[in-house]
């Protein structure tokens, strides 16, 4: 499943969206409480940097997918906002996976 996901730019974007979503939840759900409640800033620095890098990669891949698939600006904006909302990246990935499966089924029926 993962190998087929990584074959297309949309699939790679979906994978990065999942990773970015996980890093977001770890940052706000685990490492920030550790930093402010347990006075342990170390994990927050590591996860924060990882999340920052993944966010930059997410935006770069979003631009690539938007251009490659001729997405509208409003669709790209929704994908951008999804990265800012807790669990938004997971909802976006689910939606894109569903859409990709539907498109594959339509291509198969057309042949």
PDB file of N, CA and C in Angstrom:
ATOM      1  N   UNK A   1       0.817  -1.185   0.000  1.00  0.00           N
ATOM      2  CA  UNK A   1       0.000   0.000   0.000  1.00  0.00           C
ATOM      3  C   UNK A   1       0.869   1.261   0.000  1.00  0.00           C
ATOM      4  N   UNK A   2       1.878   1.304   0.857  1.00  0.00           N
ATOM      5  CA  UNK A   2       2.733   2.483   0.937  1.00  0.00           C
ATOM      6  C   UNK A   2       3.501   2.701  -0.356  1.00  0.00           C
ATOM      7  N   UNK A   3       3.963   1.616  -0.968  1.00  0.00           N
ATOM      8  CA  UNK A   3       4.740   1.780  -2.203  1.00  0.00           C
ATOM      9  C   UNK A   3       3.882   2.349  -3.323  1.00  0.00           C
ATOM     10  N   UNK A   4       2.608   1.962  -3.395  1.00  0.00           N
ATOM     11  CA  UNK A   4       1.741   2.538  -4.419  1.00  0.00           C
ATOM     12  C   UNK A   4       1.385   3.982  -4.095  1.00  0.00           C
ATOM     13  N   UNK A   5       1.324   4.305  -2.798  1.00  0.00           N
ATOM     14  CA  UNK A   5       1.019   5.670  -2.392  1.00  0.00           C
ATOM     15  C   UNK A   5       2.125   6.626  -2.823  1.00  0.00           C
ATOM     16  N   UNK A   6       3.350   6.189  -2.753  1.00  0.00           N
ATOM     17  CA  UNK A   6       4.492   7.065  -3.024  1.00  0.00           C
ATOM     18  C   UNK A   6       4.821   7.211  -4.507  1.00  0.00           C
ATOM     19  N   UNK A   7       4.063   6.555  -5.382  1.00  0.00           N
ATOM     20  CA  UNK A   7       4.352   6.617  -6.818  1.00  0.00           C
ATOM     21  C   UNK A   7       3.893   7.910  -7.479  1.00  0.00           C
ATOM     22  N   UNK A   8       2.923   8.585  -6.893  1.00  0.00           N
ATOM     23  CA  UNK A   8       2.402   9.815  -7.494  1.00  0.00           C
ATOM     24  C   UNK A   8       2.684  11.006  -6.576  1.00  0.00           C
ATOM     25  N   UNK A   9       2.658  12.191  -7.155  1.00  0.00           N
ATOM     26  CA  UNK A   9       2.871  13.386  -6.338  1.00  0.00           C
ATOM     27  C   UNK A   9       1.738  13.549  -5.331  1.00  0.00           C
ATOM     28  N   UNK A  10       0.526  13.180  -5.709  1.00  0.00           N
ATOM     29  CA  UNK A  10      -0.596  13.260  -4.784  1.00  0.00           C
ATOM     30  C   UNK A  10      -0.416  12.266  -3.642  1.00  0.00           C
ATOM     31  N   UNK A  11       0.052  11.076  -3.953  1.00  0.00           N
ATOM     32  CA  UNK A  11       0.301  10.080  -2.922  1.00  0.00           C
ATOM     33  C   UNK A  11       1.396  10.510  -1.956  1.00  0.00           C
ATOM     34  N   UNK A  12       2.454  11.097  -2.493  1.00  0.00           N
ATOM     35  CA  UNK A  12       3.531  11.600  -1.624  1.00  0.00           C
ATOM     36  C   UNK A  12       3.024  12.744  -0.745  1.00  0.00           C
ATOM     37  N   UNK A  13       2.177  13.586  -1.312  1.00  0.00           N
ATOM     38  CA  UNK A  13       1.590  14.672  -0.528  1.00  0.00           C
ATOM     39  C   UNK A  13       0.731  14.111   0.601  1.00  0.00           C
ATOM     40  N   UNK A  14      -0.048  13.082   0.299  1.00  0.00           N
ATOM     41  CA  UNK A  14      -0.871  12.449   1.341  1.00  0.00           C
ATOM     42  C   UNK A  14       0.002  11.894   2.460  1.00  0.00           C
ATOM     43  N   UNK A  15       1.125  11.266   2.096  1.00  0.00           N
ATOM     44  CA  UNK A  15       2.034  10.713   3.117  1.00  0.00           C
ATOM     45  C   UNK A  15       2.609  11.823   3.985  1.00  0.00           C
ATOM     46  N   UNK A  16       3.024  12.918   3.368  1.00  0.00           N
ATOM     47  CA  UNK A  16       3.566  14.050   4.127  1.00  0.00           C
ATOM     48  C   UNK A  16       2.471  14.662   5.003  1.00  0.00           C
ATOM     49  N   UNK A  17       1.250  14.714   4.502  1.00  0.00           N
ATOM     50  CA  UNK A  17       0.140  15.242   5.297  1.00  0.00           C
ATOM     51  C   UNK A  17      -0.052  14.414   6.568  1.00  0.00           C
ATOM     52  N   UNK A  18       0.041  13.100   6.446  1.00  0.00           N
ATOM     53  CA  UNK A  18      -0.087  12.238   7.627  1.00  0.00           C
ATOM     54  C   UNK A  18       1.049  12.487   8.617  1.00  0.00           C
ATOM     55  N   UNK A  19       2.265  12.556   8.111  1.00  0.00           N
ATOM     56  CA  UNK A  19       3.413  12.805   8.994  1.00  0.00           C
ATOM     57  C   UNK A  19       3.310  14.170   9.668  1.00  0.00           C
ATOM     58  N   UNK A  20       2.901  15.167   8.911  1.00  0.00           N
ATOM     59  CA  UNK A  20       2.752  16.514   9.463  1.00  0.00           C
ATOM     60  C   UNK A  20       1.655  16.530  10.524  1.00  0.00           C
ATOM     61  N   UNK A  21       0.576  15.813  10.282  1.00  0.00           N
ATOM     62  CA  UNK A  21      -0.513  15.728  11.250  1.00  0.00           C
ATOM     63  C   UNK A  21      -0.090  15.054  12.546  1.00  0.00           C
ATOM     64  N   UNK A  22       0.691  13.984  12.428  1.00  0.00           N
ATOM     65  CA  UNK A  22       1.190  13.295  13.615  1.00  0.00           C
ATOM     66  C   UNK A  22       2.129  14.205  14.393  1.00  0.00           C
ATOM     67  N   UNK A  23       3.020  14.900  13.695  1.00  0.00           N
ATOM     68  CA  UNK A  23       3.955  15.786  14.390  1.00  0.00           C
ATOM     69  C   UNK A  23       3.217  16.928  15.090  1.00  0.00           C
ATOM     70  N   UNK A  24       2.152  17.414  14.482  1.00  0.00           N
ATOM     71  CA  UNK A  24       1.338  18.474  15.074  1.00  0.00           C
ATOM     72  C   UNK A  24       0.703  18.000  16.385  1.00  0.00           C
ATOM     73  N   UNK A  25       0.129  16.803  16.345  1.00  0.00           N
ATOM     74  CA  UNK A  25      -0.502  16.267  17.554  1.00  0.00           C
ATOM     75  C   UNK A  25       0.527  15.970  18.640  1.00  0.00           C
ATOM     76  N   UNK A  26       1.684  15.441  18.255  1.00  0.00           N
ATOM     77  CA  UNK A  26       2.741  15.197  19.240  1.00  0.00           C
ATOM     78  C   UNK A  26       3.213  16.501  19.871  1.00  0.00           C
ATOM     79  N   UNK A  27       3.359  17.509  19.041  1.00  0.00           N
ATOM     80  CA  UNK A  27       3.831  18.799  19.535  1.00  0.00           C
ATOM     81  C   UNK A  27       2.873  19.383  20.570  1.00  0.00           C
ATOM     82  N   UNK A  28       1.601  19.451  20.217  1.00  0.00           N
ATOM     83  CA  UNK A  28       0.642  20.090  21.111  1.00  0.00           C
ATOM     84  C   UNK A  28       0.087  19.164  22.181  1.00  0.00           C
ATOM     85  N   UNK A  29       0.058  17.868  21.915  1.00  0.00           N
ATOM     86  CA  UNK A  29      -0.521  16.943  22.875  1.00  0.00           C
ATOM     87  C   UNK A  29       0.458  16.319  23.839  1.00  0.00           C
ATOM     88  N   UNK A  30       1.755  16.286  23.471  1.00  0.00           N
ATOM     89  CA  UNK A  30       2.744  15.612  24.316  1.00  0.00           C
ATOM     90  C   UNK A  30       3.865  16.559  24.737  1.00  0.00           C
ATOM     91  N   UNK A  31       4.566  17.119  23.769  1.00  0.00           N
ATOM     92  CA  UNK A  31       5.789  17.839  24.138  1.00  0.00           C
ATOM     93  C   UNK A  31       5.547  19.217  24.750  1.00  0.00           C
ATOM     94  N   UNK A  32       4.493  19.916  24.333  1.00  0.00           N
ATOM     95  CA  UNK A  32       4.216  21.212  24.972  1.00  0.00           C
ATOM     96  C   UNK A  32       3.776  21.027  26.426  1.00  0.00           C
ATOM     97  N   UNK A  33       2.911  20.065  26.733  1.00  0.00           N
ATOM     98  CA  UNK A  33       2.627  19.828  28.163  1.00  0.00           C
ATOM     99  C   UNK A  33       3.880  19.441  28.951  1.00  0.00           C
ATOM    100  N   UNK A  34       4.762  18.641  28.333  1.00  0.00           N
ATOM    101  CA  UNK A  34       6.010  18.305  29.025  1.00  0.00           C
ATOM    102  C   UNK A  34       6.841  19.557  29.293  1.00  0.00           C
ATOM    103  N   UNK A  35       6.882  20.442  28.316  1.00  0.00           N
ATOM    104  CA  UNK A  35       7.672  21.663  28.457  1.00  0.00           C
ATOM    105  C   UNK A  35       7.133  22.565  29.562  1.00  0.00           C
ATOM    106  N   UNK A  36       5.828  22.775  29.561  1.00  0.00           N
ATOM    107  CA  UNK A  36       5.264  23.762  30.476  1.00  0.00           C
ATOM    108  C   UNK A  36       4.802  23.179  31.815  1.00  0.00           C
ATOM    109  N   UNK A  37       4.490  21.892  31.860  1.00  0.00           N
ATOM    110  CA  UNK A  37       4.017  21.309  33.117  1.00  0.00           C
ATOM    111  C   UNK A  37       5.108  20.528  33.857  1.00  0.00           C
ATOM    112  N   UNK A  38       6.055  19.965  33.099  1.00  0.00           N
ATOM    113  CA  UNK A  38       7.099  19.155  33.722  1.00  0.00           C
ATOM    114  C   UNK A  38       8.483  19.773  33.570  1.00  0.00           C
ATOM    115  N   UNK A  39       8.539  20.976  33.017  1.00  0.00           N
ATOM    116  CA  UNK A  39       9.814  21.679  32.823  1.00  0.00           C
ATOM    117  C   UNK A  39      10.822  20.818  32.053  1.00  0.00           C
ATOM    118  N   UNK A  40      10.353  20.190  30.970  1.00  0.00           N
ATOM    119  CA  UNK A  40      11.203  19.364  30.095  1.00  0.00           C
ATOM    120  C   UNK A  40      11.147  19.937  28.673  1.00  0.00           C
ATOM    121  N   UNK A  41      11.980  20.928  28.358  1.00  0.00           N
ATOM    122  CA  UNK A  41      11.910  21.557  27.039  1.00  0.00           C
ATOM    123  C   UNK A  41      12.558  20.748  25.910  1.00  0.00           C
ATOM    124  N   UNK A  42      13.384  19.769  26.237  1.00  0.00           N
ATOM    125  CA  UNK A  42      14.118  19.024  25.210  1.00  0.00           C
ATOM    126  C   UNK A  42      13.237  18.380  24.151  1.00  0.00           C
ATOM    127  N   UNK A  43      12.237  17.570  24.542  1.00  0.00           N
ATOM    128  CA  UNK A  43      11.386  16.939  23.520  1.00  0.00           C
ATOM    129  C   UNK A  43      10.665  17.949  22.642  1.00  0.00           C
ATOM    130  N   UNK A  44      10.277  19.081  23.218  1.00  0.00           N
ATOM    131  CA  UNK A  44       9.572  20.094  22.439  1.00  0.00           C
ATOM    132  C   UNK A  44      10.464  20.688  21.354  1.00  0.00           C
ATOM    133  N   UNK A  45      11.745  20.841  21.653  1.00  0.00           N
ATOM    134  CA  UNK A  45      12.671  21.365  20.645  1.00  0.00           C
ATOM    135  C   UNK A  45      12.791  20.412  19.462  1.00  0.00           C
ATOM    136  N   UNK A  46      12.933  19.129  19.758  1.00  0.00           N
ATOM    137  CA  UNK A  46      13.101  18.128  18.692  1.00  0.00           C
ATOM    138  C   UNK A  46      11.829  18.002  17.859  1.00  0.00           C
ATOM    139  N   UNK A  47      10.701  17.817  18.531  1.00  0.00           N
ATOM    140  CA  UNK A  47       9.437  17.649  17.807  1.00  0.00           C
ATOM    141  C   UNK A  47       9.037  18.950  17.126  1.00  0.00           C
ATOM    142  N   UNK A  48       9.330  20.085  17.763  1.00  0.00           N
ATOM    143  CA  UNK A  48       9.025  21.371  17.144  1.00  0.00           C
ATOM    144  C   UNK A  48       9.802  21.597  15.858  1.00  0.00           C
ATOM    145  N   UNK A  49      11.079  21.253  15.872  1.00  0.00           N
ATOM    146  CA  UNK A  49      11.892  21.389  14.656  1.00  0.00           C
ATOM    147  C   UNK A  49      11.401  20.425  13.568  1.00  0.00           C
ATOM    148  N   UNK A  50      11.106  19.212  13.962  1.00  0.00           N
ATOM    149  CA  UNK A  50      10.591  18.219  13.003  1.00  0.00           C
ATOM    150  C   UNK A  50       9.284  18.707  12.391  1.00  0.00           C
ATOM    151  N   UNK A  51       8.405  19.206  13.237  1.00  0.00           N
ATOM    152  CA  UNK A  51       7.125  19.714  12.739  1.00  0.00           C
ATOM    153  C   UNK A  51       7.341  20.903  11.799  1.00  0.00           C
ATOM    154  N   UNK A  52       8.271  21.771  12.125  1.00  0.00           N
ATOM    155  CA  UNK A  52       8.563  22.913  11.260  1.00  0.00           C
ATOM    156  C   UNK A  52       9.049  22.486   9.888  1.00  0.00           C
ATOM    157  N   UNK A  53       9.952  21.525   9.869  1.00  0.00           N
ATOM    158  CA  UNK A  53      10.467  21.015   8.587  1.00  0.00           C
ATOM    159  C   UNK A  53       9.336  20.355   7.795  1.00  0.00           C
ATOM    160  N   UNK A  54       8.533  19.531   8.467  1.00  0.00           N
ATOM    161  CA  UNK A  54       7.417  18.870   7.782  1.00  0.00           C
ATOM    162  C   UNK A  54       6.400  19.885   7.271  1.00  0.00           C
ATOM    163  N   UNK A  55       6.201  20.973   7.981  1.00  0.00           N
ATOM    164  CA  UNK A  55       5.271  22.006   7.522  1.00  0.00           C
ATOM    165  C   UNK A  55       5.775  22.671   6.242  1.00  0.00           C
ATOM    166  N   UNK A  56       7.062  22.935   6.189  1.00  0.00           N
ATOM    167  CA  UNK A  56       7.642  23.527   4.978  1.00  0.00           C
ATOM    168  C   UNK A  56       7.533  22.548   3.809  1.00  0.00           C
ATOM    169  N   UNK A  57       7.834  21.274   4.048  1.00  0.00           N
ATOM    170  CA  UNK A  57       7.708  20.255   3.003  1.00  0.00           C
ATOM    171  C   UNK A  57       6.254  20.136   2.557  1.00  0.00           C
ATOM    172  N   UNK A  58       5.321  20.188   3.505  1.00  0.00           N
ATOM    173  CA  UNK A  58       3.888  20.127   3.203  1.00  0.00           C
ATOM    174  C   UNK A  58       3.496  21.241   2.232  1.00  0.00           C
ATOM    175  N   UNK A  59       3.914  22.461   2.528  1.00  0.00           N
ATOM    176  CA  UNK A  59       3.559  23.598   1.674  1.00  0.00           C
ATOM    177  C   UNK A  59       4.205  23.454   0.291  1.00  0.00           C
ATOM    178  N   UNK A  60       5.462  23.035   0.251  1.00  0.00           N
ATOM    179  CA  UNK A  60       6.134  22.845  -1.043  1.00  0.00           C
ATOM    180  C   UNK A  60       5.428  21.766  -1.868  1.00  0.00           C
ATOM    181  N   UNK A  61       5.051  20.680  -1.220  1.00  0.00           N
ATOM    182  CA  UNK A  61       4.365  19.608  -1.939  1.00  0.00           C
ATOM    183  C   UNK A  61       2.947  20.020  -2.321  1.00  0.00           C
ATOM    184  N   UNK A  62       2.322  20.846  -1.505  1.00  0.00           N
ATOM    185  CA  UNK A  62       0.994  21.361  -1.843  1.00  0.00           C
ATOM    186  C   UNK A  62       1.063  22.194  -3.118  1.00  0.00           C
ATOM    187  N   UNK A  63       2.078  23.018  -3.235  1.00  0.00           N
ATOM    188  CA  UNK A  63       2.252  23.815  -4.461  1.00  0.00           C
ATOM    189  C   UNK A  63       2.451  22.882  -5.655  1.00  0.00           C
ATOM    190  N   UNK A  64       3.291  21.855  -5.492  1.00  0.00           N
ATOM    191  CA  UNK A  64       3.542  20.900  -6.572  1.00  0.00           C
ATOM    192  C   UNK A  64       2.258  20.178  -6.984  1.00  0.00           C
ATOM    193  N   UNK A  65       1.507  19.683  -6.019  1.00  0.00           N
ATOM    194  CA  UNK A  65       0.269  18.952  -6.314  1.00  0.00           C
ATOM    195  C   UNK A  65      -0.769  19.882  -6.942  1.00  0.00           C
ATOM    196  N   UNK A  66      -0.837  21.114  -6.456  1.00  0.00           N
ATOM    197  CA  UNK A  66      -1.788  22.080  -7.008  1.00  0.00           C
ATOM    198  C   UNK A  66      -1.506  22.350  -8.476  1.00  0.00           C
ATOM    199  N   UNK A  67      -0.234  22.525  -8.812  1.00  0.00           N
ATOM    200  CA  UNK A  67       0.121  22.768 -10.210  1.00  0.00           C
ATOM    201  C   UNK A  67      -0.029  21.518 -11.073  1.00  0.00           C
ATOM    202  N   UNK A  68       0.404  20.373 -10.555  1.00  0.00           N
ATOM    203  CA  UNK A  68       0.356  19.131 -11.337  1.00  0.00           C
ATOM    204  C   UNK A  68      -1.070  18.673 -11.606  1.00  0.00           C
ATOM    205  N   UNK A  69      -1.957  18.887 -10.647  1.00  0.00           N
ATOM    206  CA  UNK A  69      -3.335  18.405 -10.788  1.00  0.00           C
ATOM    207  C   UNK A  69      -4.325  19.518 -11.127  1.00  0.00           C
ATOM    208  N   UNK A  70      -3.784  20.719 -11.370  1.00  0.00           N
ATOM    209  CA  UNK A  70      -4.603  21.874 -11.749  1.00  0.00           C
ATOM    210  C   UNK A  70      -5.725  22.133 -10.740  1.00  0.00           C
ATOM    211  N   UNK A  71      -5.348  22.123  -9.462  1.00  0.00           N
ATOM    212  CA  UNK A  71      -6.314  22.421  -8.411  1.00  0.00           C
ATOM    213  C   UNK A  71      -6.662  23.903  -8.445  1.00  0.00           C
ATOM    214  N   UNK A  72      -7.859  24.221  -8.026  1.00  0.00           N
ATOM    215  CA  UNK A  72      -8.249  25.626  -7.898  1.00  0.00           C
ATOM    216  C   UNK A  72      -7.549  26.227  -6.669  1.00  0.00           C
ATOM    217  N   UNK A  73      -7.485  27.536  -6.632  1.00  0.00           N
ATOM    218  CA  UNK A  73      -6.879  28.194  -5.478  1.00  0.00           C
ATOM    219  C   UNK A  73      -7.674  27.931  -4.205  1.00  0.00           C
ATOM    220  N   UNK A  74      -8.977  27.822  -4.330  1.00  0.00           N
ATOM    221  CA  UNK A  74      -9.789  27.565  -3.145  1.00  0.00           C
ATOM    222  C   UNK A  74      -9.509  26.162  -2.590  1.00  0.00           C
ATOM    223  N   UNK A  75      -9.315  25.204  -3.464  1.00  0.00           N
ATOM    224  CA  UNK A  75      -8.996  23.842  -3.017  1.00  0.00           C
ATOM    225  C   UNK A  75      -7.622  23.810  -2.346  1.00  0.00           C
ATOM    226  N   UNK A  76      -6.665  24.494  -2.928  1.00  0.00           N
ATOM    227  CA  UNK A  76      -5.329  24.565  -2.337  1.00  0.00           C
ATOM    228  C   UNK A  76      -5.384  25.274  -0.991  1.00  0.00           C
ATOM    229  N   UNK A  77      -6.214  26.304  -0.891  1.00  0.00           N
ATOM    230  CA  UNK A  77      -6.357  27.027   0.369  1.00  0.00           C
ATOM    231  C   UNK A  77      -6.947  26.121   1.452  1.00  0.00           C
ATOM    232  N   UNK A  78      -7.934  25.314   1.096  1.00  0.00           N
ATOM    233  CA  UNK A  78      -8.522  24.366   2.050  1.00  0.00           C
ATOM    234  C   UNK A  78      -7.451  23.383   2.527  1.00  0.00           C
ATOM    235  N   UNK A  79      -6.618  22.905   1.607  1.00  0.00           N
ATOM    236  CA  UNK A  79      -5.536  21.986   1.983  1.00  0.00           C
ATOM    237  C   UNK A  79      -4.523  22.678   2.892  1.00  0.00           C
ATOM    238  N   UNK A  80      -4.272  23.941   2.656  1.00  0.00           N
ATOM    239  CA  UNK A  80      -3.351  24.692   3.507  1.00  0.00           C
ATOM    240  C   UNK A  80      -3.940  24.873   4.911  1.00  0.00           C
ATOM    241  N   UNK A  81      -5.205  25.232   4.985  1.00  0.00           N
ATOM    242  CA  UNK A  81      -5.868  25.415   6.281  1.00  0.00           C
ATOM    243  C   UNK A  81      -5.922  24.085   7.044  1.00  0.00           C
ATOM    244  N   UNK A  82      -6.064  22.976   6.326  1.00  0.00           N
ATOM    245  CA  UNK A  82      -6.120  21.661   6.978  1.00  0.00           C
ATOM    246  C   UNK A  82      -4.858  21.382   7.789  1.00  0.00           C
ATOM    247  N   UNK A  83      -3.742  21.940   7.364  1.00  0.00           N
ATOM    248  CA  UNK A  83      -2.495  21.715   8.106  1.00  0.00           C
ATOM    249  C   UNK A  83      -2.432  22.540   9.384  1.00  0.00           C
ATOM    250  N   UNK A  84      -3.316  23.505   9.528  1.00  0.00           N
ATOM    251  CA  UNK A  84      -3.307  24.389  10.694  1.00  0.00           C
ATOM    252  C   UNK A  84      -4.309  23.980  11.765  1.00  0.00           C
ATOM    253  N   UNK A  85      -5.216  23.096  11.411  1.00  0.00           N
ATOM    254  CA  UNK A  85      -6.291  22.680  12.307  1.00  0.00           C
ATOM    255  C   UNK A  85      -5.956  21.291  12.867  1.00  0.00           C
ATOM    256  N   UNK A  86      -6.089  21.100  14.178  1.00  0.00           N
ATOM    257  CA  UNK A  86      -5.841  19.750  14.716  1.00  0.00           C
ATOM    258  C   UNK A  86      -6.724  18.719  13.999  1.00  0.00           C
ATOM    259  N   UNK A  87      -6.131  17.633  13.604  1.00  0.00           N
ATOM    260  CA  UNK A  87      -6.764  16.530  12.876  1.00  0.00           C
ATOM    261  C   UNK A  87      -7.138  16.894  11.436  1.00  0.00           C
ATOM    262  N   UNK A  88      -6.886  18.138  11.024  1.00  0.00           N
ATOM    263  CA  UNK A  88      -7.219  18.555   9.661  1.00  0.00           C
ATOM    264  C   UNK A  88      -6.452  17.798   8.604  1.00  0.00           C
ATOM    265  N   UNK A  89      -5.181  17.510   8.855  1.00  0.00           N
ATOM    266  CA  UNK A  89      -4.372  16.774   7.874  1.00  0.00           C
ATOM    267  C   UNK A  89      -4.902  15.358   7.683  1.00  0.00           C
ATOM    268  N   UNK A  90      -5.434  14.767   8.755  1.00  0.00           N
ATOM    269  CA  UNK A  90      -5.985  13.412   8.648  1.00  0.00           C
ATOM    270  C   UNK A  90      -7.286  13.400   7.845  1.00  0.00           C
ATOM    271  N   UNK A  91      -8.123  14.414   8.058  1.00  0.00           N
ATOM    272  CA  UNK A  91      -9.358  14.536   7.283  1.00  0.00           C
ATOM    273  C   UNK A  91      -9.020  14.787   5.812  1.00  0.00           C
ATOM    274  N   UNK A  92      -8.058  15.647   5.552  1.00  0.00           N
ATOM    275  CA  UNK A  92      -7.638  15.927   4.181  1.00  0.00           C
ATOM    276  C   UNK A  92      -7.120  14.664   3.511  1.00  0.00           C
ATOM    277  N   UNK A  93      -6.271  13.904   4.205  1.00  0.00           N
ATOM    278  CA  UNK A  93      -5.720  12.672   3.628  1.00  0.00           C
ATOM    279  C   UNK A  93      -6.830  11.685   3.317  1.00  0.00           C
ATOM    280  N   UNK A  94      -7.791  11.540   4.215  1.00  0.00           N
ATOM    281  CA  UNK A  94      -8.924  10.635   3.981  1.00  0.00           C
ATOM    282  C   UNK A  94      -9.712  11.075   2.744  1.00  0.00           C
ATOM    283  N   UNK A  95      -9.963  12.366   2.641  1.00  0.00           N
ATOM    284  CA  UNK A  95     -10.718  12.908   1.517  1.00  0.00           C
ATOM    285  C   UNK A  95      -9.974  12.687   0.194  1.00  0.00           C
ATOM    286  N   UNK A  96      -8.662  12.951   0.203  1.00  0.00           N
ATOM    287  CA  UNK A  96      -7.868  12.762  -1.019  1.00  0.00           C
ATOM    288  C   UNK A  96      -7.772  11.288  -1.401  1.00  0.00           C
ATOM    289  N   UNK A  97      -7.628  10.406  -0.413  1.00  0.00           N
ATOM    290  CA  UNK A  97      -7.573   8.963  -0.691  1.00  0.00           C
ATOM    291  C   UNK A  97      -8.881   8.494  -1.312  1.00  0.00           C
ATOM    292  N   UNK A  98      -9.984   8.948  -0.760  1.00  0.00           N
ATOM    293  CA  UNK A  98     -11.306   8.593  -1.286  1.00  0.00           C
ATOM    294  C   UNK A  98     -11.465   9.101  -2.715  1.00  0.00           C
ATOM    295  N   UNK A  99     -11.042  10.335  -2.939  1.00  0.00           N
ATOM    296  CA  UNK A  99     -11.134  10.933  -4.273  1.00  0.00           C
ATOM    297  C   UNK A  99     -10.238  10.209  -5.274  1.00  0.00           C
ATOM    298  N   UNK A 100      -9.035   9.851  -4.844  1.00  0.00           N
ATOM    299  CA  UNK A 100      -8.098   9.138  -5.714  1.00  0.00           C
ATOM    300  C   UNK A 100      -8.643   7.759  -6.088  1.00  0.00           C
ATOM    301  N   UNK A 101      -9.263   7.070  -5.132  1.00  0.00           N
ATOM    302  CA  UNK A 101      -9.852   5.753  -5.407  1.00  0.00           C
ATOM    303  C   UNK A 101     -11.016   5.875  -6.379  1.00  0.00           C
ATOM    304  N   UNK A 102     -11.809   6.917  -6.226  1.00  0.00           N
ATOM    305  CA  UNK A 102     -12.932   7.138  -7.132  1.00  0.00           C
ATOM    306  C   UNK A 102     -12.446   7.415  -8.558  1.00  0.00           C
ATOM    307  N   UNK A 103     -11.388   8.220  -8.676  1.00  0.00           N
ATOM    308  CA  UNK A 103     -10.821   8.522  -9.998  1.00  0.00           C
ATOM    309  C   UNK A 103     -10.238   7.266 -10.639  1.00  0.00           C
ATOM    310  N   UNK A 104      -9.591   6.423  -9.843  1.00  0.00           N
ATOM    311  CA  UNK A 104      -9.022   5.175 -10.366  1.00  0.00           C
ATOM    312  C   UNK A 104     -10.131   4.252 -10.849  1.00  0.00           C
ATOM    313  N   UNK A 105     -11.240   4.199 -10.137  1.00  0.00           N
ATOM    314  CA  UNK A 105     -12.376   3.372 -10.541  1.00  0.00           C
ATOM    315  C   UNK A 105     -12.979   3.883 -11.840  1.00  0.00           C
ATOM    316  N   UNK A 106     -13.091   5.195 -11.986  1.00  0.00           N
ATOM    317  CA  UNK A 106     -13.613   5.769 -13.216  1.00  0.00           C
ATOM    318  C   UNK A 106     -12.696   5.483 -14.401  1.00  0.00           C
ATOM    319  N   UNK A 107     -11.367   5.535 -14.166  1.00  0.00           N
ATOM    320  CA  UNK A 107     -10.434   5.220 -15.258  1.00  0.00           C
ATOM    321  C   UNK A 107     -10.555   3.752 -15.652  1.00  0.00           C
ATOM    322  N   UNK A 108     -10.715   2.883 -14.685  1.00  0.00           N
ATOM    323  CA  UNK A 108     -10.830   1.452 -14.958  1.00  0.00           C
ATOM    324  C   UNK A 108     -12.122   1.150 -15.725  1.00  0.00           C
ATOM    325  N   UNK A 109     -13.202   1.817 -15.370  1.00  0.00           N
ATOM    326  CA  UNK A 109     -14.478   1.618 -16.065  1.00  0.00           C
ATOM    327  C   UNK A 109     -14.431   2.161 -17.492  1.00  0.00           C
ATOM    328  N   UNK A 110     -13.635   3.191 -17.725  1.00  0.00           N
ATOM    329  CA  UNK A 110     -13.529   3.794 -19.047  1.00  0.00           C
ATOM    330  C   UNK A 110     -12.752   2.910 -20.019  1.00  0.00           C
ATOM    331  N   UNK A 111     -11.931   2.023 -19.472  1.00  0.00           N
ATOM    332  CA  UNK A 111     -11.113   1.168 -20.345  1.00  0.00           C
ATOM    333  C   UNK A 111     -11.852  -0.006 -20.803  1.00  0.00           C
TER     334      UNK A 111
END
